[in-house]
Amino acid sequence: MHTHIITVYGIKNCDSIKKTRAWLDGRQMSHRFHDYRTDGLTPALLQQFADKLGTDAILNQRSTSWRQLADEQKCDLTPEKALQLMLSNPTLIKRPIIAIGEQLFAGFHPEQLSSAL
């Protein structure tokens, strides 16, 4: 029996989120889902992700949202600028971000989750 508190951060209608939650449910692992759209995204929470994982790991530059940004938003990207962009557009954040106790993971990687649990 695991005692880790698991929180999955993301957006409800995202396929990666659905896969992650189904994977956890299939293993009877209770988790909390934090939807940026309904539960919000604070600068402090985003900073916590960046501090633990790095801005590059949490900014999804392959997303449709990224491609829709104006070029001037994407150029001269500093960590501060990236964080501002993600705060304004939570869809730019790689999904899911999974918190297991004190550990954070970006993206759905079953093998990584298995070893963390």
Protein backbone atom coordinates (compact mmCIF):
# COMPACT_ATOMS: atom_id res chain seq x y z
CA MET A 1 0.00 0.00 0.00
CA HIS A 2 1.56 3.27 -1.06
CA THR A 3 1.22 6.36 1.07
CA HIS A 4 2.37 8.91 -1.47
CA ILE A 5 0.09 11.80 -2.17
CA ILE A 6 -0.19 12.01 -5.95
CA THR A 7 -1.32 15.16 -7.71
CA VAL A 8 -1.71 15.34 -11.47
CA TYR A 9 -1.56 18.85 -12.91
CA GLY A 10 -2.94 19.68 -16.32
CA ILE A 11 -6.05 20.31 -18.36
CA LYS A 12 -9.00 17.93 -18.23
CA ASN A 13 -9.54 17.34 -21.94
CA CYS A 14 -5.86 16.62 -22.69
CA ASP A 15 -5.11 13.09 -23.96
CA SER A 16 -1.93 12.80 -21.89
CA ILE A 17 -3.91 13.68 -18.78
CA LYS A 18 -6.57 11.09 -19.62
CA LYS A 19 -3.88 8.42 -20.13
CA THR A 20 -2.14 9.31 -16.88
CA ARG A 21 -5.33 9.25 -14.84
CA ALA A 22 -6.45 5.96 -16.43
CA TRP A 23 -3.03 4.45 -15.65
CA LEU A 24 -3.27 5.53 -12.00
CA ASP A 25 -6.90 4.39 -11.71
CA GLY A 26 -5.97 1.03 -13.23
CA ARG A 27 -3.53 0.55 -10.36
CA GLN A 28 -6.01 1.75 -7.74
CA MET A 29 -3.78 4.73 -6.99
CA SER A 30 -5.86 7.56 -5.71
CA HIS A 31 -4.76 10.95 -6.90
CA ARG A 32 -5.88 14.51 -6.96
CA PHE A 33 -6.35 16.25 -10.27
CA HIS A 34 -5.49 19.94 -10.47
CA ASP A 35 -6.97 21.55 -13.57
CA TYR A 36 -5.25 24.84 -14.42
CA ARG A 37 -8.50 26.12 -15.93
CA THR A 38 -10.69 25.49 -12.88
CA ASP A 39 -8.21 25.28 -10.00
CA GLY A 40 -5.97 28.02 -11.31
CA LEU A 41 -2.23 28.41 -11.73
CA THR A 42 -0.30 30.61 -9.33
CA PRO A 43 3.13 32.10 -9.99
CA ALA A 44 4.36 30.22 -6.89
CA LEU A 45 3.19 26.84 -8.19
CA LEU A 46 4.72 27.44 -11.60
CA GLN A 47 7.96 28.60 -9.97
CA GLN A 48 8.02 25.38 -7.94
CA PHE A 49 7.77 23.35 -11.18
CA ALA A 50 10.54 25.42 -12.77
CA ASP A 51 12.80 25.15 -9.70
CA LYS A 52 12.52 21.36 -9.59
CA LEU A 53 12.33 20.49 -13.28
CA GLY A 54 13.78 23.47 -15.14
CA THR A 55 11.95 25.85 -17.44
CA ASP A 56 12.92 23.91 -20.57
CA ALA A 57 11.38 20.72 -19.21
CA ILE A 58 8.03 22.31 -18.41
CA LEU A 59 7.62 24.54 -21.47
CA ASN A 60 6.07 22.50 -24.26
CA GLN A 61 7.56 23.96 -27.41
CA ARG A 62 5.91 21.28 -29.55
CA SER A 63 2.40 22.31 -28.55
CA THR A 64 -0.16 23.95 -30.80
CA SER A 65 -0.31 26.79 -28.27
CA TRP A 66 3.42 27.43 -28.76
CA ARG A 67 3.09 27.49 -32.54
CA GLN A 68 0.27 30.02 -32.26
CA LEU A 69 2.40 32.51 -30.32
CA ALA A 70 3.80 35.53 -32.13
CA ASP A 71 7.47 35.22 -33.06
CA GLU A 72 8.43 38.09 -30.76
CA GLN A 73 6.95 36.15 -27.85
CA LYS A 74 9.11 33.14 -28.69
CA CYS A 75 12.42 34.88 -29.34
CA ASP A 76 14.93 35.91 -26.66
CA LEU A 77 13.33 33.43 -24.32
CA THR A 78 14.59 33.81 -20.76
CA PRO A 79 13.32 31.65 -17.89
CA GLU A 80 11.38 34.70 -16.63
CA LYS A 81 9.78 35.28 -20.01
CA ALA A 82 8.93 31.58 -20.34
CA LEU A 83 7.25 31.62 -16.92
CA GLN A 84 5.22 34.69 -17.87
CA LEU A 85 4.10 33.01 -21.10
CA MET A 86 3.07 29.85 -19.21
CA LEU A 87 1.17 31.86 -16.60
CA SER A 88 -0.77 33.62 -19.36
CA ASN A 89 -1.20 30.42 -21.39
CA PRO A 90 -1.29 27.32 -19.14
CA THR A 91 -1.65 25.17 -22.28
CA LEU A 92 2.05 25.85 -22.86
CA ILE A 93 2.94 23.76 -19.80
CA LYS A 94 4.00 20.22 -20.57
CA ARG A 95 1.32 17.78 -19.50
CA PRO A 96 1.03 16.24 -17.15
CA ILE A 97 3.16 17.53 -14.33
CA ILE A 98 2.89 14.84 -11.65
CA ALA A 99 3.74 15.39 -8.02
CA ILE A 100 4.45 12.28 -5.96
CA GLY A 101 5.28 13.38 -2.46
CA GLU A 102 8.18 15.80 -2.90
CA GLN A 103 9.10 14.53 -6.39
CA LEU A 104 7.93 16.14 -9.62
CA PHE A 105 7.77 14.60 -13.09
CA ALA A 106 7.02 16.21 -16.44
CA GLY A 107 5.16 14.09 -18.98
CA PHE A 108 3.55 10.67 -18.73
CA HIS A 109 6.23 7.98 -18.51
CA PRO A 110 4.76 4.83 -16.90
CA GLU A 111 8.16 3.29 -16.13
CA GLN A 112 9.27 6.46 -14.36
CA LEU A 113 6.05 6.56 -12.32
CA SER A 114 6.32 2.88 -11.43
CA SER A 115 9.78 3.33 -9.99
CA ALA A 116 8.71 6.48 -8.10
CA LEU A 117 5.81 4.62 -6.53
